[in-house]
PDB file of N, CA and C in Angstrom:
ATOM      1  N   MET A   1      -6.871  63.198 -17.989  1.00  0.00           N
ATOM      2  CA  MET A   1      -5.570  62.597 -17.723  1.00  0.00           C
ATOM      3  C   MET A   1      -5.354  62.395 -16.223  1.00  0.00           C
ATOM      4  N   GLU A   2      -5.902  63.306 -15.408  1.00  0.00           N
ATOM      5  CA  GLU A   2      -5.708  63.209 -13.957  1.00  0.00           C
ATOM      6  C   GLU A   2      -6.337  61.940 -13.389  1.00  0.00           C
ATOM      7  N   SER A   3      -7.504  61.556 -13.898  1.00  0.00           N
ATOM      8  CA  SER A   3      -8.147  60.330 -13.399  1.00  0.00           C
ATOM      9  C   SER A   3      -7.350  59.092 -13.808  1.00  0.00           C
ATOM     10  N   LEU A   4      -6.764  59.116 -15.012  1.00  0.00           N
ATOM     11  CA  LEU A   4      -5.920  57.998 -15.445  1.00  0.00           C
ATOM     12  C   LEU A   4      -4.666  57.929 -14.574  1.00  0.00           C
ATOM     13  N   LYS A   5      -4.088  59.076 -14.262  1.00  0.00           N
ATOM     14  CA  LYS A   5      -2.900  59.123 -13.400  1.00  0.00           C
ATOM     15  C   LYS A   5      -3.200  58.503 -12.041  1.00  0.00           C
ATOM     16  N   LYS A   6      -4.336  58.854 -11.447  1.00  0.00           N
ATOM     17  CA  LYS A   6      -4.721  58.291 -10.147  1.00  0.00           C
ATOM     18  C   LYS A   6      -4.945  56.785 -10.242  1.00  0.00           C
ATOM     19  N   TYR A   7      -5.565  56.355 -11.327  1.00  0.00           N
ATOM     20  CA  TYR A   7      -5.829  54.926 -11.529  1.00  0.00           C
ATOM     21  C   TYR A   7      -4.516  54.141 -11.646  1.00  0.00           C
ATOM     22  N   ILE A   8      -3.594  54.633 -12.458  1.00  0.00           N
ATOM     23  CA  ILE A   8      -2.309  53.940 -12.642  1.00  0.00           C
ATOM     24  C   ILE A   8      -1.492  53.980 -11.353  1.00  0.00           C
ATOM     25  N   LEU A   9      -1.544  55.077 -10.612  1.00  0.00           N
ATOM     26  CA  LEU A   9      -0.860  55.137  -9.316  1.00  0.00           C
ATOM     27  C   LEU A   9      -1.386  54.036  -8.396  1.00  0.00           C
ATOM     28  N   GLN A  10      -2.689  53.814  -8.408  1.00  0.00           N
ATOM     29  CA  GLN A  10      -3.263  52.735  -7.596  1.00  0.00           C
ATOM     30  C   GLN A  10      -2.735  51.375  -8.056  1.00  0.00           C
ATOM     31  N   LEU A  11      -2.634  51.168  -9.376  1.00  0.00           N
ATOM     32  CA  LEU A  11      -2.095  49.899  -9.889  1.00  0.00           C
ATOM     33  C   LEU A  11      -0.630  49.730  -9.490  1.00  0.00           C
ATOM     34  N   GLU A  12       0.153  50.806  -9.565  1.00  0.00           N
ATOM     35  CA  GLU A  12       1.561  50.750  -9.138  1.00  0.00           C
ATOM     36  C   GLU A  12       1.641  50.377  -7.658  1.00  0.00           C
ATOM     37  N   ASN A  13       0.796  50.982  -6.839  1.00  0.00           N
ATOM     38  CA  ASN A  13       0.764  50.642  -5.411  1.00  0.00           C
ATOM     39  C   ASN A  13       0.337  49.194  -5.197  1.00  0.00           C
ATOM     40  N   ASP A  14      -0.631  48.725  -5.978  1.00  0.00           N
ATOM     41  CA  ASP A  14      -1.064  47.327  -5.873  1.00  0.00           C
ATOM     42  C   ASP A  14       0.098  46.374  -6.128  1.00  0.00           C
ATOM     43  N   LEU A  15       0.939  46.715  -7.106  1.00  0.00           N
ATOM     44  CA  LEU A  15       2.074  45.850  -7.433  1.00  0.00           C
ATOM     45  C   LEU A  15       3.119  45.789  -6.321  1.00  0.00           C
ATOM     46  N   LEU A  16       3.037  46.673  -5.356  1.00  0.00           N
ATOM     47  CA  LEU A  16       3.962  46.655  -4.219  1.00  0.00           C
ATOM     48  C   LEU A  16       3.416  45.870  -3.034  1.00  0.00           C
ATOM     49  N   LYS A  17       2.169  45.447  -3.108  1.00  0.00           N
ATOM     50  CA  LYS A  17       1.541  44.723  -2.000  1.00  0.00           C
ATOM     51  C   LYS A  17       1.918  43.245  -2.035  1.00  0.00           C
ATOM     52  N   PRO A  18       2.259  42.661  -0.874  1.00  0.00           N
ATOM     53  CA  PRO A  18       2.657  41.249  -0.826  1.00  0.00           C
ATOM     54  C   PRO A  18       1.591  40.310  -1.384  1.00  0.00           C
ATOM     55  N   GLU A  19       0.322  40.583  -1.075  1.00  0.00           N
ATOM     56  CA  GLU A  19      -0.739  39.679  -1.530  1.00  0.00           C
ATOM     57  C   GLU A  19      -0.900  39.703  -3.049  1.00  0.00           C
ATOM     58  N   VAL A  20      -0.504  40.795  -3.687  1.00  0.00           N
ATOM     59  CA  VAL A  20      -0.535  40.875  -5.150  1.00  0.00           C
ATOM     60  C   VAL A  20       0.726  40.240  -5.722  1.00  0.00           C
ATOM     61  N   ARG A  21       1.877  40.597  -5.177  1.00  0.00           N
ATOM     62  CA  ARG A  21       3.162  40.101  -5.690  1.00  0.00           C
ATOM     63  C   ARG A  21       3.284  38.580  -5.583  1.00  0.00           C
ATOM     64  N   GLN A  22       2.563  37.996  -4.637  1.00  0.00           N
ATOM     65  CA  GLN A  22       2.645  36.550  -4.426  1.00  0.00           C
ATOM     66  C   GLN A  22       1.502  35.795  -5.096  1.00  0.00           C
ATOM     67  N   SER A  23       0.693  36.481  -5.902  1.00  0.00           N
ATOM     68  CA  SER A  23      -0.443  35.852  -6.579  1.00  0.00           C
ATOM     69  C   SER A  23      -0.243  35.891  -8.092  1.00  0.00           C
ATOM     70  N   SER A  24      -0.064  34.727  -8.701  1.00  0.00           N
ATOM     71  CA  SER A  24       0.123  34.688 -10.152  1.00  0.00           C
ATOM     72  C   SER A  24      -1.118  35.209 -10.878  1.00  0.00           C
ATOM     73  N   GLU A  25      -2.297  34.998 -10.307  1.00  0.00           N
ATOM     74  CA  GLU A  25      -3.539  35.481 -10.927  1.00  0.00           C
ATOM     75  C   GLU A  25      -3.596  37.013 -10.934  1.00  0.00           C
ATOM     76  N   LYS A  26      -3.285  37.620  -9.793  1.00  0.00           N
ATOM     77  CA  LYS A  26      -3.320  39.085  -9.705  1.00  0.00           C
ATOM     78  C   LYS A  26      -2.226  39.713 -10.563  1.00  0.00           C
ATOM     79  N   ILE A  27      -1.056  39.085 -10.583  1.00  0.00           N
ATOM     80  CA  ILE A  27       0.045  39.589 -11.402  1.00  0.00           C
ATOM     81  C   ILE A  27      -0.327  39.554 -12.880  1.00  0.00           C
ATOM     82  N   SER A  28      -0.975  38.482 -13.322  1.00  0.00           N
ATOM     83  CA  SER A  28      -1.343  38.375 -14.739  1.00  0.00           C
ATOM     84  C   SER A  28      -2.368  39.433 -15.143  1.00  0.00           C
ATOM     85  N   GLU A  29      -3.135  39.949 -14.181  1.00  0.00           N
ATOM     86  CA  GLU A  29      -4.087  41.028 -14.462  1.00  0.00           C
ATOM     87  C   GLU A  29      -3.378  42.369 -14.650  1.00  0.00           C
ATOM     88  N   LEU A  30      -2.177  42.504 -14.078  1.00  0.00           N
ATOM     89  CA  LEU A  30      -1.480  43.793 -14.079  1.00  0.00           C
ATOM     90  C   LEU A  30      -0.296  43.876 -15.038  1.00  0.00           C
ATOM     91  N   LEU A  31       0.296  42.735 -15.388  1.00  0.00           N
ATOM     92  CA  LEU A  31       1.464  42.741 -16.266  1.00  0.00           C
ATOM     93  C   LEU A  31       1.098  42.241 -17.657  1.00  0.00           C
ATOM     94  N   ALA A  32       1.629  42.910 -18.676  1.00  0.00           N
ATOM     95  CA  ALA A  32       1.441  42.476 -20.055  1.00  0.00           C
ATOM     96  C   ALA A  32       2.158  41.145 -20.264  1.00  0.00           C
ATOM     97  N   ASP A  33       1.671  40.366 -21.211  1.00  0.00           N
ATOM     98  CA  ASP A  33       2.283  39.062 -21.483  1.00  0.00           C
ATOM     99  C   ASP A  33       3.747  39.189 -21.900  1.00  0.00           C
ATOM    100  N   ASP A  34       4.130  40.331 -22.481  1.00  0.00           N
ATOM    101  CA  ASP A  34       5.515  40.547 -22.911  1.00  0.00           C
ATOM    102  C   ASP A  34       6.242  41.550 -22.004  1.00  0.00           C
ATOM    103  N   PHE A  35       5.840  41.597 -20.729  1.00  0.00           N
ATOM    104  CA  PHE A  35       6.437  42.501 -19.743  1.00  0.00           C
ATOM    105  C   PHE A  35       7.914  42.195 -19.521  1.00  0.00           C
ATOM    106  N   THR A  36       8.716  43.265 -19.406  1.00  0.00           N
ATOM    107  CA  THR A  36      10.142  43.164 -19.082  1.00  0.00           C
ATOM    108  C   THR A  36      10.459  44.172 -17.988  1.00  0.00           C
ATOM    109  N   GLU A  37      11.332  43.764 -17.066  1.00  0.00           N
ATOM    110  CA  GLU A  37      11.785  44.663 -16.006  1.00  0.00           C
ATOM    111  C   GLU A  37      13.301  44.652 -15.931  1.00  0.00           C
ATOM    112  N   PHE A  38      13.881  45.844 -15.818  1.00  0.00           N
ATOM    113  CA  PHE A  38      15.284  45.999 -15.456  1.00  0.00           C
ATOM    114  C   PHE A  38      15.260  46.392 -13.985  1.00  0.00           C
ATOM    115  N   SER A  39      15.542  45.449 -13.101  1.00  0.00           N
ATOM    116  CA  SER A  39      15.382  45.687 -11.666  1.00  0.00           C
ATOM    117  C   SER A  39      16.517  46.537 -11.105  1.00  0.00           C
ATOM    118  N   SER A  40      16.267  47.108  -9.934  1.00  0.00           N
ATOM    119  CA  SER A  40      17.276  47.946  -9.280  1.00  0.00           C
ATOM    120  C   SER A  40      18.493  47.135  -8.846  1.00  0.00           C
ATOM    121  N   SER A  41      18.347  45.812  -8.795  1.00  0.00           N
ATOM    122  CA  SER A  41      19.483  44.951  -8.444  1.00  0.00           C
ATOM    123  C   SER A  41      20.302  44.566  -9.675  1.00  0.00           C
ATOM    124  N   GLY A  42      19.857  45.002 -10.862  1.00  0.00           N
ATOM    125  CA  GLY A  42      20.591  44.710 -12.084  1.00  0.00           C
ATOM    126  C   GLY A  42      20.084  43.498 -12.843  1.00  0.00           C
ATOM    127  N   TYR A  43      19.065  42.851 -12.322  1.00  0.00           N
ATOM    128  CA  TYR A  43      18.504  41.659 -12.947  1.00  0.00           C
ATOM    129  C   TYR A  43      17.510  42.056 -14.038  1.00  0.00           C
ATOM    130  N   VAL A  44      17.524  41.328 -15.164  1.00  0.00           N
ATOM    131  CA  VAL A  44      16.538  41.529 -16.221  1.00  0.00           C
ATOM    132  C   VAL A  44      15.506  40.420 -16.098  1.00  0.00           C
ATOM    133  N   TYR A  45      14.257  40.803 -15.953  1.00  0.00           N
ATOM    134  CA  TYR A  45      13.170  39.855 -15.725  1.00  0.00           C
ATOM    135  C   TYR A  45      12.193  39.903 -16.892  1.00  0.00           C
ATOM    136  N   HIS A  46      11.921  38.750 -17.488  1.00  0.00           N
ATOM    137  CA  HIS A  46      10.931  38.618 -18.553  1.00  0.00           C
ATOM    138  C   HIS A  46       9.771  37.807 -18.000  1.00  0.00           C
ATOM    139  N   TYR A  47       8.608  38.407 -17.939  1.00  0.00           N
ATOM    140  CA  TYR A  47       7.415  37.774 -17.365  1.00  0.00           C
ATOM    141  C   TYR A  47       6.943  36.608 -18.217  1.00  0.00           C
ATOM    142  N   LYS A  48       6.575  35.545 -17.529  1.00  0.00           N
ATOM    143  CA  LYS A  48       5.907  34.397 -18.146  1.00  0.00           C
ATOM    144  C   LYS A  48       4.602  34.208 -17.399  1.00  0.00           C
ATOM    145  N   LYS A  49       3.514  33.986 -18.128  1.00  0.00           N
ATOM    146  CA  LYS A  49       2.201  33.830 -17.502  1.00  0.00           C
ATOM    147  C   LYS A  49       2.287  32.772 -16.404  1.00  0.00           C
ATOM    148  N   GLY A  50       1.752  33.093 -15.250  1.00  0.00           N
ATOM    149  CA  GLY A  50       1.802  32.192 -14.103  1.00  0.00           C
ATOM    150  C   GLY A  50       2.883  32.547 -13.107  1.00  0.00           C
ATOM    151  N   ASP A  51       3.788  33.458 -13.498  1.00  0.00           N
ATOM    152  CA  ASP A  51       4.855  33.890 -12.585  1.00  0.00           C
ATOM    153  C   ASP A  51       4.291  34.690 -11.419  1.00  0.00           C
ATOM    154  N   LYS A  52       5.055  34.699 -10.345  1.00  0.00           N
ATOM    155  CA  LYS A  52       4.830  35.599  -9.217  1.00  0.00           C
ATOM    156  C   LYS A  52       6.036  36.519  -9.170  1.00  0.00           C
ATOM    157  N   ILE A  53       5.860  37.720  -8.663  1.00  0.00           N
ATOM    158  CA  ILE A  53       6.997  38.643  -8.574  1.00  0.00           C
ATOM    159  C   ILE A  53       7.920  38.246  -7.440  1.00  0.00           C
ATOM    160  N   ASP A  54       7.353  37.896  -6.301  1.00  0.00           N
ATOM    161  CA  ASP A  54       8.169  37.543  -5.140  1.00  0.00           C
ATOM    162  C   ASP A  54       7.416  36.519  -4.310  1.00  0.00           C
ATOM    163  N   ALA A  55       7.915  35.315  -4.282  1.00  0.00           N
ATOM    164  CA  ALA A  55       7.254  34.247  -3.533  1.00  0.00           C
ATOM    165  C   ALA A  55       7.708  34.202  -2.078  1.00  0.00           C
ATOM    166  N   SER A  56       8.685  35.035  -1.718  1.00  0.00           N
ATOM    167  CA  SER A  56       9.192  34.997  -0.341  1.00  0.00           C
ATOM    168  C   SER A  56       8.220  35.674   0.613  1.00  0.00           C
ATOM    169  N   THR A  57       8.353  35.360   1.873  1.00  0.00           N
ATOM    170  CA  THR A  57       7.491  35.982   2.881  1.00  0.00           C
ATOM    171  C   THR A  57       8.117  37.247   3.451  1.00  0.00           C
ATOM    172  N   THR A  58       9.385  37.509   3.162  1.00  0.00           N
ATOM    173  CA  THR A  58      10.060  38.675   3.729  1.00  0.00           C
ATOM    174  C   THR A  58       9.501  39.986   3.200  1.00  0.00           C
ATOM    175  N   ILE A  59       8.873  39.953   2.055  1.00  0.00           N
ATOM    176  CA  ILE A  59       8.334  41.179   1.475  1.00  0.00           C
ATOM    177  C   ILE A  59       7.273  41.811   2.374  1.00  0.00           C
ATOM    178  N   GLN A  60       6.646  41.028   3.228  1.00  0.00           N
ATOM    179  CA  GLN A  60       5.610  41.550   4.109  1.00  0.00           C
ATOM    180  C   GLN A  60       6.176  42.499   5.160  1.00  0.00           C
ATOM    181  N   ASN A  61       7.467  42.505   5.363  1.00  0.00           N
ATOM    182  CA  ASN A  61       8.100  43.369   6.356  1.00  0.00           C
ATOM    183  C   ASN A  61       8.555  44.699   5.768  1.00  0.00           C
ATOM    184  N   ILE A  62       8.082  45.034   4.575  1.00  0.00           N
ATOM    185  CA  ILE A  62       8.553  46.231   3.892  1.00  0.00           C
ATOM    186  C   ILE A  62       7.393  47.194   3.654  1.00  0.00           C
ATOM    187  N   ASN A  63       7.658  48.463   3.887  1.00  0.00           N
ATOM    188  CA  ASN A  63       6.698  49.521   3.590  1.00  0.00           C
ATOM    189  C   ASN A  63       7.272  50.352   2.447  1.00  0.00           C
ATOM    190  N   TRP A  64       6.523  50.489   1.362  1.00  0.00           N
ATOM    191  CA  TRP A  64       6.971  51.225   0.183  1.00  0.00           C
ATOM    192  C   TRP A  64       6.305  52.597   0.160  1.00  0.00           C
ATOM    193  N   GLU A  65       7.063  53.622  -0.150  1.00  0.00           N
ATOM    194  CA  GLU A  65       6.524  54.977  -0.251  1.00  0.00           C
ATOM    195  C   GLU A  65       6.828  55.538  -1.641  1.00  0.00           C
ATOM    196  N   ILE A  66       5.781  55.879  -2.392  1.00  0.00           N
ATOM    197  CA  ILE A  66       5.931  56.461  -3.729  1.00  0.00           C
ATOM    198  C   ILE A  66       5.857  57.981  -3.614  1.00  0.00           C
ATOM    199  N   ARG A  67       6.803  58.657  -4.293  1.00  0.00           N
ATOM    200  CA  ARG A  67       6.842  60.125  -4.298  1.00  0.00           C
ATOM    201  C   ARG A  67       6.966  60.641  -5.729  1.00  0.00           C
ATOM    202  N   ASP A  68       6.533  61.873  -5.939  1.00  0.00           N
ATOM    203  CA  ASP A  68       6.714  62.599  -7.211  1.00  0.00           C
ATOM    204  C   ASP A  68       6.236  61.795  -8.420  1.00  0.00           C
ATOM    205  N   PHE A  69       5.038  61.248  -8.328  1.00  0.00           N
ATOM    206  CA  PHE A  69       4.466  60.432  -9.400  1.00  0.00           C
ATOM    207  C   PHE A  69       4.056  61.330 -10.563  1.00  0.00           C
ATOM    208  N   SER A  70       4.560  61.027 -11.752  1.00  0.00           N
ATOM    209  CA  SER A  70       4.320  61.862 -12.928  1.00  0.00           C
ATOM    210  C   SER A  70       3.898  61.002 -14.116  1.00  0.00           C
ATOM    211  N   THR A  71       2.956  61.517 -14.906  1.00  0.00           N
ATOM    212  CA  THR A  71       2.437  60.797 -16.066  1.00  0.00           C
ATOM    213  C   THR A  71       2.745  61.569 -17.346  1.00  0.00           C
ATOM    214  N   THR A  72       3.248  60.856 -18.352  1.00  0.00           N
ATOM    215  CA  THR A  72       3.459  61.419 -19.682  1.00  0.00           C
ATOM    216  C   THR A  72       2.749  60.527 -20.687  1.00  0.00           C
ATOM    217  N   GLU A  73       1.864  61.112 -21.480  1.00  0.00           N
ATOM    218  CA  GLU A  73       1.150  60.344 -22.499  1.00  0.00           C
ATOM    219  C   GLU A  73       2.062  60.162 -23.707  1.00  0.00           C
ATOM    220  N   LEU A  74       2.325  58.905 -24.070  1.00  0.00           N
ATOM    221  CA  LEU A  74       3.156  58.601 -25.232  1.00  0.00           C
ATOM    222  C   LEU A  74       2.297  58.427 -26.481  1.00  0.00           C
ATOM    223  N   SER A  75       1.087  57.906 -26.298  1.00  0.00           N
ATOM    224  CA  SER A  75       0.090  57.767 -27.362  1.00  0.00           C
ATOM    225  C   SER A  75      -1.260  57.571 -26.685  1.00  0.00           C
ATOM    226  N   ASP A  76      -2.314  57.381 -27.464  1.00  0.00           N
ATOM    227  CA  ASP A  76      -3.649  57.208 -26.879  1.00  0.00           C
ATOM    228  C   ASP A  76      -3.733  55.999 -25.953  1.00  0.00           C
ATOM    229  N   ASP A  77      -2.922  54.985 -26.226  1.00  0.00           N
ATOM    230  CA  ASP A  77      -3.001  53.748 -25.440  1.00  0.00           C
ATOM    231  C   ASP A  77      -1.688  53.381 -24.760  1.00  0.00           C
ATOM    232  N   CYS A  78      -0.834  54.380 -24.520  1.00  0.00           N
ATOM    233  CA  CYS A  78       0.477  54.107 -23.914  1.00  0.00           C
ATOM    234  C   CYS A  78       0.924  55.320 -23.100  1.00  0.00           C
ATOM    235  N   ILE A  79       1.309  55.072 -21.838  1.00  0.00           N
ATOM    236  CA  ILE A  79       1.766  56.154 -20.965  1.00  0.00           C
ATOM    237  C   ILE A  79       3.061  55.766 -20.257  1.00  0.00           C
ATOM    238  N   LEU A  80       3.811  56.780 -19.891  1.00  0.00           N
ATOM    239  CA  LEU A  80       5.045  56.621 -19.123  1.00  0.00           C
ATOM    240  C   LEU A  80       4.811  57.195 -17.738  1.00  0.00           C
ATOM    241  N   GLU A  81       5.134  56.421 -16.718  1.00  0.00           N
ATOM    242  CA  GLU A  81       5.061  56.876 -15.327  1.00  0.00           C
ATOM    243  C   GLU A  81       6.480  56.955 -14.786  1.00  0.00           C
ATOM    244  N   THR A  82       6.812  58.053 -14.146  1.00  0.00           N
ATOM    245  CA  THR A  82       8.104  58.177 -13.467  1.00  0.00           C
ATOM    246  C   THR A  82       7.833  58.604 -12.030  1.00  0.00           C
ATOM    247  N   TYR A  83       8.646  58.073 -11.122  1.00  0.00           N
ATOM    248  CA  TYR A  83       8.445  58.375  -9.704  1.00  0.00           C
ATOM    249  C   TYR A  83       9.651  57.925  -8.898  1.00  0.00           C
ATOM    250  N   LYS A  84       9.617  58.256  -7.622  1.00  0.00           N
ATOM    251  CA  LYS A  84      10.673  57.875  -6.684  1.00  0.00           C
ATOM    252  C   LYS A  84      10.073  56.955  -5.634  1.00  0.00           C
ATOM    253  N   VAL A  85      10.882  56.024  -5.150  1.00  0.00           N
ATOM    254  CA  VAL A  85      10.413  55.086  -4.129  1.00  0.00           C
ATOM    255  C   VAL A  85      11.391  55.059  -2.963  1.00  0.00           C
ATOM    256  N   ILE A  86      10.819  55.085  -1.774  1.00  0.00           N
ATOM    257  CA  ILE A  86      11.590  54.802  -0.564  1.00  0.00           C
ATOM    258  C   ILE A  86      11.074  53.472  -0.046  1.00  0.00           C
ATOM    259  N   LYS A  87      11.971  52.535   0.091  1.00  0.00           N
ATOM    260  CA  LYS A  87      11.628  51.199   0.584  1.00  0.00           C
ATOM    261  C   LYS A  87      12.050  51.150   2.048  1.00  0.00           C
ATOM    262  N   HIS A  88      11.070  51.231   2.950  1.00  0.00           N
ATOM    263  CA  HIS A  88      11.329  51.226   4.392  1.00  0.00           C
ATOM    264  C   HIS A  88      11.269  49.787   4.899  1.00  0.00           C
ATOM    265  N   SER A  89      12.214  49.414   5.696  1.00  0.00           N
ATOM    266  CA  SER A  89      12.176  48.106   6.345  1.00  0.00           C
ATOM    267  C   SER A  89      11.640  48.286   7.751  1.00  0.00           C
ATOM    268  N   GLU A  90      10.630  47.511   8.098  1.00  0.00           N
ATOM    269  CA  GLU A  90      10.083  47.586   9.452  1.00  0.00           C
ATOM    270  C   GLU A  90      10.965  46.849  10.452  1.00  0.00           C
ATOM    271  N   VAL A  91      11.869  46.024   9.955  1.00  0.00           N
ATOM    272  CA  VAL A  91      12.753  45.248  10.813  1.00  0.00           C
ATOM    273  C   VAL A  91      13.900  46.113  11.326  1.00  0.00           C
ATOM    274  N   SER A  92      14.351  47.041  10.504  1.00  0.00           N
ATOM    275  CA  SER A  92      15.467  47.900  10.890  1.00  0.00           C
ATOM    276  C   SER A  92      15.219  49.305  10.351  1.00  0.00           C
ATOM    277  N   GLU A  93      16.167  50.166  10.554  1.00  0.00           N
ATOM    278  CA  GLU A  93      16.067  51.529  10.038  1.00  0.00           C
ATOM    279  C   GLU A  93      16.593  51.622   8.611  1.00  0.00           C
ATOM    280  N   HIS A  94      16.939  50.488   8.021  1.00  0.00           N
ATOM    281  CA  HIS A  94      17.491  50.473   6.672  1.00  0.00           C
ATOM    282  C   HIS A  94      16.454  50.981   5.670  1.00  0.00           C
ATOM    283  N   LYS A  95      16.882  51.861   4.775  1.00  0.00           N
ATOM    284  CA  LYS A  95      16.020  52.361   3.711  1.00  0.00           C
ATOM    285  C   LYS A  95      16.756  52.217   2.389  1.00  0.00           C
ATOM    286  N   LYS A  96      15.998  51.974   1.344  1.00  0.00           N
ATOM    287  CA  LYS A  96      16.560  51.841   0.015  1.00  0.00           C
ATOM    288  C   LYS A  96      15.830  52.838  -0.881  1.00  0.00           C
ATOM    289  N   TYR A  97      16.566  53.639  -1.625  1.00  0.00           N
ATOM    290  CA  TYR A  97      15.993  54.681  -2.463  1.00  0.00           C
ATOM    291  C   TYR A  97      16.159  54.303  -3.929  1.00  0.00           C
ATOM    292  N   SER A  98      15.119  54.556  -4.725  1.00  0.00           N
ATOM    293  CA  SER A  98      15.226  54.250  -6.148  1.00  0.00           C
ATOM    294  C   SER A  98      14.392  55.208  -6.987  1.00  0.00           C
ATOM    295  N   LEU A  99      14.847  55.381  -8.219  1.00  0.00           N
ATOM    296  CA  LEU A  99      14.105  56.109  -9.241  1.00  0.00           C
ATOM    297  C   LEU A  99      13.423  55.047 -10.093  1.00  0.00           C
ATOM    298  N   ARG A 100      12.162  55.252 -10.429  1.00  0.00           N
ATOM    299  CA  ARG A 100      11.388  54.231 -11.139  1.00  0.00           C
ATOM    300  C   ARG A 100      10.738  54.813 -12.387  1.00  0.00           C
ATOM    301  N   SER A 101      10.595  53.958 -13.390  1.00  0.00           N
ATOM    302  CA  SER A 101       9.817  54.311 -14.576  1.00  0.00           C
ATOM    303  C   SER A 101       9.064  53.074 -15.037  1.00  0.00           C
ATOM    304  N   SER A 102       7.839  53.301 -15.482  1.00  0.00           N
ATOM    305  CA  SER A 102       6.992  52.221 -15.977  1.00  0.00           C
ATOM    306  C   SER A 102       6.300  52.683 -17.248  1.00  0.00           C
ATOM    307  N   ILE A 103       6.187  51.784 -18.191  1.00  0.00           N
ATOM    308  CA  ILE A 103       5.374  52.031 -19.378  1.00  0.00           C
ATOM    309  C   ILE A 103       4.142  51.150 -19.262  1.00  0.00           C
ATOM    310  N   TRP A 104       2.985  51.779 -19.336  1.00  0.00           N
ATOM    311  CA  TRP A 104       1.696  51.087 -19.276  1.00  0.00           C
ATOM    312  C   TRP A 104       1.026  51.183 -20.634  1.00  0.00           C
ATOM    313  N   LYS A 105       0.467  50.046 -21.094  1.00  0.00           N
ATOM    314  CA  LYS A 105      -0.266  50.012 -22.357  1.00  0.00           C
ATOM    315  C   LYS A 105      -1.688  49.541 -22.096  1.00  0.00           C
ATOM    316  N   CYS A 106      -2.602  50.056 -22.894  1.00  0.00           N
ATOM    317  CA  CYS A 106      -3.999  49.652 -22.778  1.00  0.00           C
ATOM    318  C   CYS A 106      -4.270  48.540 -23.792  1.00  0.00           C
ATOM    319  N   TYR A 107      -4.631  47.365 -23.286  1.00  0.00           N
ATOM    320  CA  TYR A 107      -4.937  46.198 -24.109  1.00  0.00           C
ATOM    321  C   TYR A 107      -6.433  45.916 -23.990  1.00  0.00           C
ATOM    322  N   ASN A 108      -7.161  46.112 -25.067  1.00  0.00           N
ATOM    323  CA  ASN A 108      -8.611  45.855 -25.067  1.00  0.00           C
ATOM    324  C   ASN A 108      -9.309  46.521 -23.885  1.00  0.00           C
ATOM    325  N   GLY A 109      -8.955  47.774 -23.615  1.00  0.00           N
ATOM    326  CA  GLY A 109      -9.597  48.536 -22.550  1.00  0.00           C
ATOM    327  C   GLY A 109      -9.036  48.317 -21.159  1.00  0.00           C
ATOM    328  N   LYS A 110      -8.004  47.492 -21.035  1.00  0.00           N
ATOM    329  CA  LYS A 110      -7.421  47.195 -19.719  1.00  0.00           C
ATOM    330  C   LYS A 110      -5.946  47.611 -19.701  1.00  0.00           C
ATOM    331  N   TRP A 111      -5.578  48.438 -18.709  1.00  0.00           N
ATOM    332  CA  TRP A 111      -4.200  48.908 -18.590  1.00  0.00           C
ATOM    333  C   TRP A 111      -3.324  47.844 -17.938  1.00  0.00           C
ATOM    334  N   LYS A 112      -2.172  47.574 -18.592  1.00  0.00           N
ATOM    335  CA  LYS A 112      -1.203  46.612 -18.062  1.00  0.00           C
ATOM    336  C   LYS A 112       0.200  47.201 -18.188  1.00  0.00           C
ATOM    337  N   MET A 113       1.039  46.856 -17.210  1.00  0.00           N
ATOM    338  CA  MET A 113       2.419  47.323 -17.249  1.00  0.00           C
ATOM    339  C   MET A 113       3.180  46.517 -18.295  1.00  0.00           C
ATOM    340  N   PHE A 114       3.822  47.241 -19.214  1.00  0.00           N
ATOM    341  CA  PHE A 114       4.580  46.640 -20.308  1.00  0.00           C
ATOM    342  C   PHE A 114       6.081  46.605 -19.996  1.00  0.00           C
ATOM    343  N   PHE A 115       6.562  47.648 -19.292  1.00  0.00           N
ATOM    344  CA  PHE A 115       7.993  47.755 -18.982  1.00  0.00           C
ATOM    345  C   PHE A 115       8.163  48.484 -17.654  1.00  0.00           C
ATOM    346  N   HIS A 116       9.190  48.078 -16.902  1.00  0.00           N
ATOM    347  CA  HIS A 116       9.511  48.762 -15.646  1.00  0.00           C
ATOM    348  C   HIS A 116      11.016  48.761 -15.447  1.00  0.00           C
ATOM    349  N   GLN A 117      11.522  49.878 -14.912  1.00  0.00           N
ATOM    350  CA  GLN A 117      12.934  49.958 -14.548  1.00  0.00           C
ATOM    351  C   GLN A 117      13.064  50.637 -13.201  1.00  0.00           C
ATOM    352  N   GLY A 118      13.917  50.068 -12.353  1.00  0.00           N
ATOM    353  CA  GLY A 118      14.257  50.660 -11.066  1.00  0.00           C
ATOM    354  C   GLY A 118      15.751  50.912 -11.022  1.00  0.00           C
ATOM    355  N   THR A 119      16.135  52.104 -10.617  1.00  0.00           N
ATOM    356  CA  THR A 119      17.545  52.467 -10.519  1.00  0.00           C
ATOM    357  C   THR A 119      17.823  52.940  -9.098  1.00  0.00           C
ATOM    358  N   LEU A 120      18.744  52.270  -8.421  1.00  0.00           N
ATOM    359  CA  LEU A 120      19.099  52.682  -7.061  1.00  0.00           C
ATOM    360  C   LEU A 120      19.705  54.078  -7.076  1.00  0.00           C
ATOM    361  N   THR A 121      19.415  54.822  -6.032  1.00  0.00           N
ATOM    362  CA  THR A 121      19.964  56.163  -5.886  1.00  0.00           C
ATOM    363  C   THR A 121      20.201  56.424  -4.399  1.00  0.00           C
ATOM    364  N   THR A 122      20.621  57.609  -4.080  1.00  0.00           N
ATOM    365  CA  THR A 122      20.850  57.972  -2.682  1.00  0.00           C
ATOM    366  C   THR A 122      19.708  58.856  -2.183  1.00  0.00           C
ATOM    367  N   LYS A 123      19.673  59.046  -0.894  1.00  0.00           N
ATOM    368  CA  LYS A 123      18.647  59.883  -0.267  1.00  0.00           C
ATOM    369  C   LYS A 123      18.652  61.301  -0.841  1.00  0.00           C
ATOM    370  N   ASP A 124      19.814  61.768  -1.281  1.00  0.00           N
ATOM    371  CA  ASP A 124      19.949  63.126  -1.813  1.00  0.00           C
ATOM    372  C   ASP A 124      19.062  63.385  -3.029  1.00  0.00           C
ATOM    373  N   PHE A 125      18.747  62.339  -3.793  1.00  0.00           N
ATOM    374  CA  PHE A 125      17.953  62.500  -5.011  1.00  0.00           C
ATOM    375  C   PHE A 125      16.470  62.245  -4.784  1.00  0.00           C
ATOM    376  N   ILE A 126      16.101  61.919  -3.565  1.00  0.00           N
ATOM    377  CA  ILE A 126      14.697  61.664  -3.235  1.00  0.00           C
ATOM    378  C   ILE A 126      14.168  62.873  -2.541  1.00  0.00           C
TER     379      ILE A 126
END
């Protein structure tokens, strides 16, 4: 389970990288065709093949820090990841804190994110 946890943590980190978020090809490798996200801004996002997560260039000015990454096995081919994120802005001292959860499913031997939720919180909970 520890090796799977490390692997999924790497995939979660990949999804925070601008070059991945702005590539429809890379996104399609990581998100399930029926992926849904409840974003920290309150938006509900349903993935469509060919989508990009963020086409803006401003994302390159952000440093993401993942903390307290935890894995729970829901079944042989489905896991729940919970963690905390600090979103650091390199432009200012502004920081955004969130609690995150992701459900990953294994499709034909390949892990893809099926569901994600981000909930804004305060520094006190991080």
